[in-house]
N, C-alpha and C. Protein backbone atom coordinates (compact mmCIF):
# COMPACT_ATOMS: atom_id res chain seq x y z
N MET A 1 156.00 -79.46 102.41
CA MET A 1 157.07 -77.99 102.18
C MET A 1 155.78 -77.43 101.46
N LYS A 2 155.83 -76.26 101.86
CA LYS A 2 155.42 -75.22 101.30
C LYS A 2 155.38 -74.77 100.05
N THR A 3 154.55 -74.28 99.26
CA THR A 3 154.68 -73.70 97.71
C THR A 3 153.47 -73.09 97.61
N PHE A 4 154.02 -72.38 96.20
CA PHE A 4 153.54 -71.01 95.90
C PHE A 4 153.09 -71.21 94.12
N ILE A 5 152.21 -70.64 93.74
CA ILE A 5 151.81 -71.35 92.54
C ILE A 5 152.29 -69.19 91.28
N TYR A 6 152.99 -69.68 90.64
CA TYR A 6 153.85 -68.37 90.10
C TYR A 6 153.24 -68.31 88.73
N PHE A 7 152.86 -67.12 87.68
CA PHE A 7 152.57 -66.96 86.80
C PHE A 7 153.44 -66.46 85.89
N SER A 8 154.40 -66.92 85.03
CA SER A 8 155.41 -65.89 84.22
C SER A 8 154.63 -66.02 82.95
N TYR A 9 155.09 -65.18 82.22
CA TYR A 9 154.81 -64.62 80.84
C TYR A 9 155.83 -63.77 80.30
N GLY A 10 156.94 -63.55 80.71
CA GLY A 10 157.97 -63.35 80.38
C GLY A 10 159.43 -64.56 80.08
N SER A 11 160.51 -63.88 80.17
CA SER A 11 161.83 -64.62 79.92
C SER A 11 161.32 -66.13 81.02
N ASN A 12 161.00 -65.74 82.29
CA ASN A 12 160.87 -66.62 83.00
C ASN A 12 159.75 -68.21 82.25
N MET A 13 158.98 -67.79 81.58
CA MET A 13 158.48 -69.08 80.81
C MET A 13 159.47 -69.86 80.21
N LEU A 14 160.60 -69.42 79.81
CA LEU A 14 161.54 -70.83 79.60
C LEU A 14 162.05 -71.64 80.84
N THR A 15 161.60 -72.39 80.67
CA THR A 15 161.68 -73.59 82.27
C THR A 15 162.75 -73.73 82.70
N GLU A 16 164.10 -73.96 81.72
CA GLU A 16 165.37 -73.73 82.10
C GLU A 16 166.13 -72.40 83.06
N ARG A 17 164.91 -71.25 81.92
CA ARG A 17 165.46 -70.24 82.84
C ARG A 17 165.37 -70.09 84.43
N LEU A 18 163.83 -70.36 84.47
CA LEU A 18 162.98 -70.50 85.97
C LEU A 18 164.03 -71.35 86.64
N GLU A 19 164.33 -72.54 86.32
CA GLU A 19 164.80 -73.44 86.89
C GLU A 19 166.36 -73.35 87.51
N ALA A 20 167.03 -71.97 86.67
CA ALA A 20 168.41 -71.38 87.27
C ALA A 20 167.81 -70.31 88.26
N ARG A 21 166.81 -70.33 88.55
CA ARG A 21 166.81 -69.25 90.09
C ARG A 21 165.90 -69.78 90.56
N CYS A 22 165.06 -70.44 90.52
CA CYS A 22 164.65 -71.58 91.39
C CYS A 22 164.27 -73.10 91.11
N PRO A 23 165.02 -73.70 91.40
CA PRO A 23 165.13 -75.37 91.45
C PRO A 23 164.22 -75.77 91.18
N SER A 24 163.58 -75.83 92.14
CA SER A 24 162.82 -76.43 92.79
C SER A 24 161.23 -76.26 91.99
N ALA A 25 161.10 -75.35 90.88
CA ALA A 25 159.80 -75.68 89.81
C ALA A 25 159.55 -75.99 89.09
N ILE A 26 158.26 -76.43 89.02
CA ILE A 26 157.78 -77.19 88.58
C ILE A 26 156.84 -77.20 87.71
N VAL A 27 156.22 -77.22 86.43
CA VAL A 27 155.76 -76.98 85.48
C VAL A 27 154.12 -77.84 85.75
N ILE A 28 153.22 -76.60 85.99
CA ILE A 28 151.90 -76.88 85.86
C ILE A 28 151.15 -76.82 84.71
N GLY A 29 151.32 -75.93 83.85
CA GLY A 29 151.15 -75.85 82.41
C GLY A 29 150.90 -74.43 81.65
N ALA A 30 150.24 -74.26 81.08
CA ALA A 30 150.14 -73.19 80.13
C ALA A 30 148.89 -72.60 80.80
N ALA A 31 148.67 -71.74 80.68
CA ALA A 31 147.42 -70.44 81.45
C ALA A 31 147.37 -69.14 80.56
N ARG A 32 145.88 -68.89 80.66
CA ARG A 32 145.97 -67.09 80.36
C ARG A 32 145.11 -66.77 81.12
N LEU A 33 145.39 -65.05 81.19
CA LEU A 33 144.63 -63.97 82.18
C LEU A 33 143.85 -63.30 81.00
N ALA A 34 143.01 -62.96 81.36
CA ALA A 34 142.01 -62.57 80.41
C ALA A 34 141.85 -60.82 80.95
N GLY A 35 141.82 -59.84 80.44
CA GLY A 35 142.20 -58.39 80.47
C GLY A 35 143.27 -57.98 81.25
N TYR A 36 144.36 -58.40 80.23
CA TYR A 36 145.80 -57.97 80.67
C TYR A 36 146.49 -57.92 79.74
N GLY A 37 147.41 -57.22 78.74
CA GLY A 37 148.13 -57.40 77.72
C GLY A 37 149.46 -57.41 78.05
N LEU A 38 150.08 -58.16 77.25
CA LEU A 38 151.52 -58.14 77.24
C LEU A 38 152.43 -57.18 76.68
N ARG A 39 153.34 -56.55 77.89
CA ARG A 39 153.74 -55.39 77.17
C ARG A 39 155.58 -55.59 77.39
N PHE A 40 156.31 -54.79 76.37
CA PHE A 40 157.57 -54.61 76.67
C PHE A 40 157.77 -53.45 76.95
N THR A 41 157.43 -52.75 78.40
CA THR A 41 157.64 -50.93 78.56
C THR A 41 158.56 -51.11 79.63
N LYS A 42 159.15 -52.79 80.80
CA LYS A 42 159.63 -52.00 82.19
C LYS A 42 161.13 -51.98 81.83
N LEU A 43 161.54 -50.96 82.52
CA LEU A 43 162.74 -50.46 82.02
C LEU A 43 163.90 -51.19 83.23
N SER A 44 164.66 -51.80 82.76
CA SER A 44 165.93 -52.40 83.43
C SER A 44 166.69 -51.92 84.07
N ASP A 45 167.17 -52.07 85.26
CA ASP A 45 167.91 -50.99 86.11
C ASP A 45 169.45 -51.96 85.76
N ARG A 46 169.55 -53.10 85.13
CA ARG A 46 170.78 -53.60 84.78
C ARG A 46 171.19 -53.22 84.01
N ASP A 47 170.54 -53.18 82.47
CA ASP A 47 171.10 -53.06 81.14
C ASP A 47 170.47 -51.86 80.44
N MET A 48 169.65 -51.31 81.11
CA MET A 48 168.28 -50.18 80.49
C MET A 48 167.46 -50.13 79.27
N SER A 49 167.34 -51.73 78.92
CA SER A 49 166.73 -52.23 77.98
C SER A 49 165.15 -52.11 78.40
N ALA A 50 164.24 -52.91 77.73
CA ALA A 50 162.95 -53.22 78.03
C ALA A 50 162.68 -54.75 78.70
N LYS A 51 162.18 -54.97 79.75
CA LYS A 51 161.56 -56.07 79.90
C LYS A 51 159.96 -56.28 80.05
N ALA A 52 159.99 -57.45 80.06
CA ALA A 52 158.24 -57.33 79.77
C ALA A 52 157.40 -57.51 80.97
N THR A 53 156.34 -57.04 80.84
CA THR A 53 155.24 -56.95 81.85
C THR A 53 154.32 -56.69 81.39
N ILE A 54 153.01 -57.18 82.03
CA ILE A 54 151.45 -56.81 81.65
C ILE A 54 150.89 -56.05 82.28
N ALA A 55 149.50 -55.21 81.55
CA ALA A 55 148.78 -54.24 82.14
C ALA A 55 147.55 -54.41 81.67
N PRO A 56 146.53 -53.83 82.32
CA PRO A 56 145.00 -53.78 82.25
C PRO A 56 145.07 -53.66 80.91
N ALA A 57 144.23 -54.49 80.00
CA ALA A 57 143.62 -54.34 78.99
C ALA A 57 142.41 -54.95 78.36
N VAL A 58 141.69 -54.20 78.79
CA VAL A 58 140.03 -54.93 78.92
C VAL A 58 139.75 -55.70 77.64
N GLU A 59 139.93 -55.98 76.40
CA GLU A 59 140.46 -56.66 75.24
C GLU A 59 141.22 -57.51 75.18
N GLU A 60 142.30 -57.57 75.70
CA GLU A 60 143.31 -58.92 75.35
C GLU A 60 143.04 -59.54 76.71
N ARG A 61 144.64 -60.58 76.27
CA ARG A 61 144.59 -61.83 77.13
C ARG A 61 146.12 -62.09 77.27
N VAL A 62 146.81 -62.28 78.28
CA VAL A 62 147.95 -62.23 78.25
C VAL A 62 148.29 -64.14 78.68
N PHE A 63 149.07 -64.45 77.66
CA PHE A 63 149.33 -66.18 78.26
C PHE A 63 150.96 -66.34 78.51
N GLY A 64 150.76 -67.42 79.36
CA GLY A 64 151.93 -67.54 79.99
C GLY A 64 152.42 -68.59 80.44
N VAL A 65 153.05 -69.31 81.71
CA VAL A 65 153.17 -70.69 82.24
C VAL A 65 152.78 -70.48 83.92
N LEU A 66 151.96 -71.81 84.59
CA LEU A 66 152.34 -71.49 85.52
C LEU A 66 153.24 -73.10 86.24
N TYR A 67 153.43 -72.04 87.17
CA TYR A 67 154.56 -72.81 88.28
C TYR A 67 154.51 -72.86 89.42
N GLU A 68 154.81 -74.53 90.24
CA GLU A 68 154.69 -74.53 91.41
C GLU A 68 155.79 -74.26 92.02
N ILE A 69 156.44 -73.57 93.02
CA ILE A 69 157.66 -73.24 93.64
C ILE A 69 157.55 -73.47 95.35
N ASP A 70 158.69 -74.12 95.09
CA ASP A 70 158.99 -74.27 97.14
C ASP A 70 158.92 -72.44 97.63
N LEU A 71 158.19 -72.46 98.69
CA LEU A 71 158.15 -71.09 99.46
C LEU A 71 159.13 -70.69 99.71
N ALA A 72 160.32 -71.59 100.15
CA ALA A 72 161.98 -70.72 99.97
C ALA A 72 162.43 -69.99 99.55
N GLU A 73 162.20 -70.45 97.79
CA GLU A 73 162.43 -69.79 96.84
C GLU A 73 161.92 -68.54 96.42
N LEU A 74 160.65 -67.40 97.46
CA LEU A 74 160.12 -66.31 96.85
C LEU A 74 161.14 -65.43 97.04
N ALA A 75 162.06 -65.26 98.04
CA ALA A 75 162.63 -64.42 97.94
C ALA A 75 163.92 -64.41 96.62
N ASP A 76 164.26 -65.72 96.29
CA ASP A 76 165.32 -65.13 95.24
C ASP A 76 164.14 -65.16 93.98
N LEU A 77 163.25 -65.85 93.86
CA LEU A 77 162.08 -64.90 92.80
C LEU A 77 162.15 -63.64 92.55
N ASP A 78 161.87 -62.78 94.10
CA ASP A 78 161.79 -61.74 93.96
C ASP A 78 163.04 -60.67 93.73
N ARG A 79 164.21 -61.10 94.18
CA ARG A 79 165.52 -61.25 93.70
C ARG A 79 165.61 -61.01 91.95
N ALA A 80 165.42 -62.10 91.33
CA ALA A 80 165.56 -62.13 90.44
C ALA A 80 165.05 -61.20 89.33
N GLU A 81 163.42 -61.12 90.03
CA GLU A 81 162.74 -59.67 89.00
C GLU A 81 162.98 -58.32 89.51
N GLY A 82 163.89 -58.25 90.58
CA GLY A 82 164.27 -56.94 91.28
C GLY A 82 163.05 -56.28 91.97
N ALA A 83 162.35 -57.14 92.68
CA ALA A 83 161.21 -56.63 93.15
C ALA A 83 161.33 -56.25 94.75
N PRO A 84 161.35 -55.42 95.53
CA PRO A 84 159.91 -54.37 95.09
C PRO A 84 160.72 -53.14 94.19
N LYS A 85 161.59 -53.18 93.74
CA LYS A 85 161.93 -51.83 93.34
C LYS A 85 161.65 -52.03 91.62
N GLY A 86 161.89 -52.47 90.84
CA GLY A 86 161.56 -52.31 89.60
C GLY A 86 160.28 -53.24 89.34
N TYR A 87 160.05 -54.54 89.87
CA TYR A 87 158.64 -55.02 89.65
C TYR A 87 157.79 -54.88 91.02
N ARG A 88 156.31 -55.04 91.33
CA ARG A 88 155.89 -55.43 92.20
C ARG A 88 155.51 -56.18 91.85
N ARG A 89 155.22 -57.59 93.38
CA ARG A 89 154.61 -58.59 93.67
C ARG A 89 153.23 -58.45 93.75
N VAL A 90 152.07 -59.14 92.88
CA VAL A 90 150.90 -59.29 93.05
C VAL A 90 150.21 -60.64 92.95
N GLU A 91 149.38 -60.76 93.78
CA GLU A 91 148.64 -62.21 93.60
C GLU A 91 147.05 -61.81 92.99
N LEU A 92 146.88 -62.29 91.70
CA LEU A 92 145.76 -62.64 91.12
C LEU A 92 145.09 -63.33 91.20
N ASP A 93 143.80 -63.64 90.97
CA ASP A 93 143.24 -65.09 90.73
C ASP A 93 142.41 -65.64 89.61
N GLY A 94 142.74 -64.48 88.41
CA GLY A 94 142.06 -64.79 87.40
C GLY A 94 142.43 -65.41 86.26
N PHE A 95 143.66 -66.37 86.50
CA PHE A 95 144.59 -67.42 85.93
C PHE A 95 143.79 -68.39 85.33
N GLU A 96 143.60 -68.77 83.91
CA GLU A 96 142.86 -69.78 83.51
C GLU A 96 143.69 -70.65 83.18
N ARG A 97 143.83 -72.13 83.63
CA ARG A 97 144.89 -73.12 82.79
C ARG A 97 144.20 -73.39 81.69
N LEU A 98 144.96 -73.85 80.61
CA LEU A 98 144.40 -74.31 79.01
C LEU A 98 144.38 -75.23 78.94
N SER A 99 144.99 -76.16 80.28
CA SER A 99 144.75 -78.03 79.91
C SER A 99 143.32 -77.98 80.55
N ASP A 100 142.61 -77.87 81.48
CA ASP A 100 141.28 -78.17 81.98
C ASP A 100 140.35 -76.85 82.65
N ARG A 101 140.94 -75.67 82.17
CA ARG A 101 139.87 -74.46 82.05
C ARG A 101 139.50 -74.07 83.84
N ALA A 102 140.71 -74.66 84.33
CA ALA A 102 140.34 -74.63 85.74
C ALA A 102 140.81 -73.11 86.31
N ARG A 103 140.15 -71.94 87.20
CA ARG A 103 140.83 -71.31 87.40
C ARG A 103 141.75 -71.67 88.36
N GLN A 104 142.78 -70.47 88.69
CA GLN A 104 144.16 -70.78 89.45
C GLN A 104 144.81 -69.84 90.05
N PRO A 105 144.47 -69.05 91.39
CA PRO A 105 145.16 -68.19 91.98
C PRO A 105 146.89 -68.19 91.42
N ALA A 106 147.63 -66.91 91.52
CA ALA A 106 148.88 -67.03 91.31
C ALA A 106 149.27 -65.64 91.73
N ILE A 107 151.12 -65.38 91.79
CA ILE A 107 151.51 -64.53 91.74
C ILE A 107 151.78 -63.93 90.50
N THR A 108 152.27 -62.84 90.53
CA THR A 108 152.97 -62.34 89.31
C THR A 108 153.66 -61.61 89.39
N TYR A 109 154.18 -60.49 88.25
CA TYR A 109 155.06 -58.96 89.07
C TYR A 109 154.14 -58.42 87.61
N VAL A 110 154.13 -57.15 88.14
CA VAL A 110 154.02 -55.94 87.42
C VAL A 110 155.06 -55.12 87.40
N GLU A 111 154.86 -54.00 86.34
CA GLU A 111 156.50 -53.29 86.48
C GLU A 111 155.64 -51.98 87.37
N GLN A 112 156.84 -51.45 87.93
CA GLN A 112 156.48 -50.79 89.24
C GLN A 112 156.22 -49.00 88.38
N PRO A 113 155.35 -48.36 88.53
CA PRO A 113 154.90 -46.95 87.32
C PRO A 113 156.26 -45.87 87.45
N ASP A 114 157.46 -46.24 87.97
CA ASP A 114 158.26 -45.42 87.68
C ASP A 114 159.47 -46.34 86.93
N HIS A 115 159.28 -47.32 86.61
CA HIS A 115 160.04 -47.75 86.11
C HIS A 115 159.25 -48.23 84.27
N HIS A 116 158.26 -47.66 84.44
CA HIS A 116 157.70 -47.86 82.98
C HIS A 116 158.27 -46.67 81.60
N ASP A 117 158.55 -47.36 80.46
CA ASP A 117 159.32 -46.67 79.58
C ASP A 117 158.70 -46.84 78.35
N PRO A 118 157.45 -46.66 77.55
CA PRO A 118 157.14 -47.31 76.65
C PRO A 118 158.43 -46.87 75.02
N LYS A 119 159.08 -45.94 75.18
CA LYS A 119 160.43 -45.87 74.28
C LYS A 119 161.05 -46.98 74.38
N LEU A 120 161.27 -47.59 74.97
CA LEU A 120 162.57 -48.75 75.16
C LEU A 120 162.02 -50.09 74.84
N ARG A 121 163.09 -51.11 73.85
CA ARG A 121 162.74 -51.83 73.65
C ARG A 121 163.69 -52.97 74.30
N PRO A 122 163.22 -54.54 73.99
CA PRO A 122 163.85 -55.58 74.63
C PRO A 122 165.17 -55.70 73.58
N TYR A 123 165.89 -56.26 73.94
CA TYR A 123 167.29 -56.81 73.55
C TYR A 123 167.29 -58.09 72.65
N ASP A 124 167.55 -58.35 71.97
CA ASP A 124 167.27 -59.79 70.95
C ASP A 124 167.64 -60.73 71.72
N TRP A 125 168.44 -61.22 72.69
CA TRP A 125 168.42 -61.97 73.54
C TRP A 125 167.46 -62.37 74.42
N TYR A 126 167.10 -61.13 74.88
CA TYR A 126 166.17 -61.53 75.75
C TYR A 126 164.76 -61.69 75.35
N LEU A 127 164.70 -61.27 74.44
CA LEU A 127 163.20 -61.51 73.23
C LEU A 127 163.31 -62.85 73.09
N ALA A 128 164.04 -63.40 72.69
CA ALA A 128 164.83 -64.77 72.05
C ALA A 128 163.97 -65.93 73.05
N LEU A 129 164.72 -65.34 74.52
CA LEU A 129 163.95 -66.14 75.87
C LEU A 129 162.82 -66.37 76.16
N VAL A 130 162.16 -65.12 75.78
CA VAL A 130 160.58 -65.09 75.83
C VAL A 130 159.71 -65.76 74.64
N LEU A 131 160.68 -65.71 73.67
CA LEU A 131 159.69 -67.12 72.22
C LEU A 131 160.05 -68.05 72.30
N ALA A 132 161.29 -68.45 73.52
CA ALA A 132 161.54 -69.86 73.63
C ALA A 132 160.95 -70.41 74.07
N GLY A 133 160.58 -69.26 75.84
CA GLY A 133 159.51 -70.52 76.47
C GLY A 133 158.01 -70.31 76.12
N ALA A 134 157.60 -69.84 75.18
CA ALA A 134 156.07 -69.35 74.61
C ALA A 134 156.45 -70.45 73.55
N ARG A 135 157.21 -70.84 72.99
CA ARG A 135 157.50 -72.07 72.01
C ARG A 135 157.00 -73.26 72.97
N GLN A 136 158.36 -73.24 74.03
CA GLN A 136 158.45 -74.73 74.51
C GLN A 136 156.94 -74.98 75.22
N ASN A 137 156.09 -74.37 75.94
CA ASN A 137 155.15 -74.65 76.52
C ASN A 137 153.96 -74.47 75.38
N ASP A 138 154.21 -74.57 74.13
CA ASP A 138 153.06 -74.65 73.27
C ASP A 138 151.75 -73.54 73.86
N LEU A 139 152.14 -72.13 73.95
CA LEU A 139 151.28 -71.43 73.55
C LEU A 139 150.55 -70.91 72.31
N PRO A 140 149.47 -70.40 72.50
CA PRO A 140 148.81 -70.57 70.86
C PRO A 140 149.59 -69.69 69.73
N ALA A 141 149.70 -70.36 68.96
CA ALA A 141 150.17 -69.67 67.69
C ALA A 141 150.11 -68.36 67.35
N ASP A 142 149.20 -67.79 67.55
CA ASP A 142 149.00 -66.34 67.01
C ASP A 142 149.31 -65.02 68.06
N TYR A 143 149.33 -66.01 69.17
CA TYR A 143 149.83 -65.36 70.23
C TYR A 143 151.88 -65.97 70.38
N ILE A 144 151.84 -66.69 70.28
CA ILE A 144 153.53 -66.35 69.63
C ILE A 144 154.11 -65.47 68.51
N ASP A 145 153.37 -65.40 67.14
CA ASP A 145 153.26 -64.83 66.20
C ASP A 145 153.61 -63.22 67.07
N GLY A 146 152.75 -63.06 67.52
CA GLY A 146 152.76 -61.61 68.01
C GLY A 146 154.07 -61.06 68.84
N ILE A 147 154.70 -62.03 70.02
CA ILE A 147 155.54 -61.61 70.41
C ILE A 147 157.09 -62.11 69.29
N ALA A 148 157.06 -63.02 68.31
CA ALA A 148 158.03 -62.81 67.21
C ALA A 148 157.90 -61.07 66.46
N ALA A 149 156.48 -60.48 66.73
CA ALA A 149 156.50 -59.33 65.61
C ALA A 149 157.48 -58.29 66.50
N GLN A 150 157.10 -58.46 67.74
CA GLN A 150 157.85 -57.30 69.00
C GLN A 150 159.30 -56.60 68.29
N ALA A 151 159.08 -55.26 68.17
CA ALA A 151 160.59 -54.60 67.92
C ALA A 151 161.57 -54.99 68.58
N PHE A 152 162.69 -55.04 68.22
CA PHE A 152 163.91 -55.50 69.53
C PHE A 152 164.86 -54.60 69.41
N ALA A 153 165.86 -54.76 70.09
CA ALA A 153 167.18 -53.96 69.78
C ALA A 153 168.35 -54.75 69.91
N VAL A 154 169.41 -54.86 69.46
CA VAL A 154 170.78 -55.51 69.44
C VAL A 154 171.62 -55.25 70.39
N ASP A 155 171.56 -55.88 71.34
CA ASP A 155 172.45 -55.57 72.41
C ASP A 155 174.00 -55.30 71.91
N PRO A 156 174.19 -53.85 72.25
CA PRO A 156 175.10 -53.45 71.97
C PRO A 156 176.61 -54.04 72.58
N ASP A 157 176.30 -54.75 73.79
CA ASP A 157 177.69 -55.28 74.57
C ASP A 157 177.79 -56.86 74.44
N PRO A 158 178.09 -57.21 73.42
CA PRO A 158 178.42 -58.92 72.98
C PRO A 158 178.70 -59.21 74.50
N GLU A 159 179.44 -58.97 75.66
CA GLU A 159 180.23 -59.77 76.29
C GLU A 159 179.07 -59.51 78.04
N ARG A 160 178.45 -59.25 77.67
CA ARG A 160 176.95 -58.73 78.86
C ARG A 160 176.99 -60.12 79.51
N LYS A 161 176.95 -60.27 80.68
CA LYS A 161 176.89 -61.41 81.67
C LYS A 161 175.77 -61.97 80.94
N THR A 162 174.28 -61.28 81.65
CA THR A 162 173.31 -61.64 81.30
C THR A 162 172.61 -62.21 80.26
N ARG A 163 173.74 -61.54 78.77
CA ARG A 163 173.33 -62.20 77.64
C ARG A 163 173.66 -63.48 77.25
N ASN A 164 175.07 -63.71 77.59
CA ASN A 164 175.97 -65.11 77.41
C ASN A 164 175.11 -65.75 78.34
N GLU A 165 174.62 -65.54 79.82
CA GLU A 165 173.72 -66.58 80.60
C GLU A 165 172.66 -67.17 79.46
N ALA A 166 171.66 -65.87 78.63
CA ALA A 166 170.72 -66.39 77.84
C ALA A 166 171.19 -67.16 76.90
N LEU A 167 172.32 -67.24 76.24
CA LEU A 167 172.55 -67.84 75.07
C LEU A 167 172.81 -68.94 75.39
N VAL A 168 173.55 -69.48 76.70
CA VAL A 168 173.62 -70.60 77.18
C VAL A 168 172.31 -71.25 77.52
N LEU A 169 171.56 -70.84 78.00
CA LEU A 169 170.13 -71.67 78.28
C LEU A 169 169.61 -71.92 77.11
N LEU A 170 169.28 -70.60 76.61
CA LEU A 170 169.07 -71.17 75.23
C LEU A 170 169.41 -72.18 74.33
N GLU A 171 170.94 -72.45 73.85
CA GLU A 171 171.10 -74.06 73.75
C GLU A 171 170.87 -74.87 74.64
N LYS A 172 170.91 -74.81 76.01
CA LYS A 172 170.44 -76.05 76.42
C LYS A 172 169.13 -76.41 76.36
N ALA A 173 168.28 -75.29 76.14
CA ALA A 173 166.66 -75.83 76.40
C ALA A 173 166.62 -76.10 74.15
N GLY A 174 167.75 -76.51 73.21
CA GLY A 174 167.11 -77.00 72.04
C GLY A 174 167.22 -75.51 71.87
N PHE A 175 167.28 -74.04 71.90
CA PHE A 175 166.97 -73.01 71.03
C PHE A 175 167.91 -72.47 70.04
N THR A 176 167.77 -72.01 68.93
CA THR A 176 168.91 -71.04 68.54
C THR A 176 169.36 -69.77 68.92
N ALA A 177 169.43 -68.66 68.98
CA ALA A 177 169.79 -67.52 69.64
C ALA A 177 168.58 -66.61 69.35
N ASP A 178 167.60 -66.84 68.33
CA ASP A 178 166.57 -66.15 67.66
C ASP A 178 165.18 -67.00 68.56
N GLY A 179 165.66 -67.82 69.59
CA GLY A 179 164.57 -68.25 69.89
C GLY A 179 163.77 -69.70 69.36
N ASP A 180 164.14 -69.61 68.04
CA ASP A 180 163.47 -70.85 67.35
C ASP A 180 164.10 -72.41 67.98
N PHE A 181 163.51 -73.47 67.51
CA PHE A 181 163.51 -74.52 67.70
C PHE A 181 165.28 -75.09 66.53
N ARG A 182 166.18 -75.65 67.21
CA ARG A 182 166.93 -76.04 66.06
C ARG A 182 166.50 -77.55 65.76
C-alpha cells in the first residue's frame, strides 16, 4: 500500500475527525513547523466562517499532528479540505517530529489568496475541534492556551449539519462542546 504523510494543524488534529474522512489514517505523532504561524483567516464556502490556515511568519511556529494515510484517500482529503478551491495542497519538508526531533516531509493545506478574510471568526464548534485535537495530541500548553484565546463566533444555525457532526465527534473523543476533556 502506498501512503503519504499529512500534517494537520486545524480540526483534523482530532483523530476521530480525520478518521471519519480518511479511515486509514494512523497517527505518527505531534510535530512543529518553524517559520509559520496559525491563523483563522480562511473563508469557508460552506458556512462563511473562518477556518484554520498557516502563513509564513519568521518568528513563529505551528504545532500539529503528522498522520500516515493510504494514497487512495488523498482525493477524499482534498475534497474534505475544499482543495483546490479554498485551500491548496503543498508539500513542505521542514516538519520536526516532537518525539525524536527528526525532520519529516509532509503535505499540508494553506488558504488560497482569494479565500483570505482576517475579519472572520471561527465558529465555536470548529474552534472546539481544533482545541480538542491539540489537547488529544499533547501539544505544548502555551500553544493550546493560544488556541483557547482565539476569538470565535457562536454558530447562528444550531441545526447546521457540520456543527452537529462536530459535536458528535467531540463526544466520541471524550471532549465537551468547548474542547475540554470530560
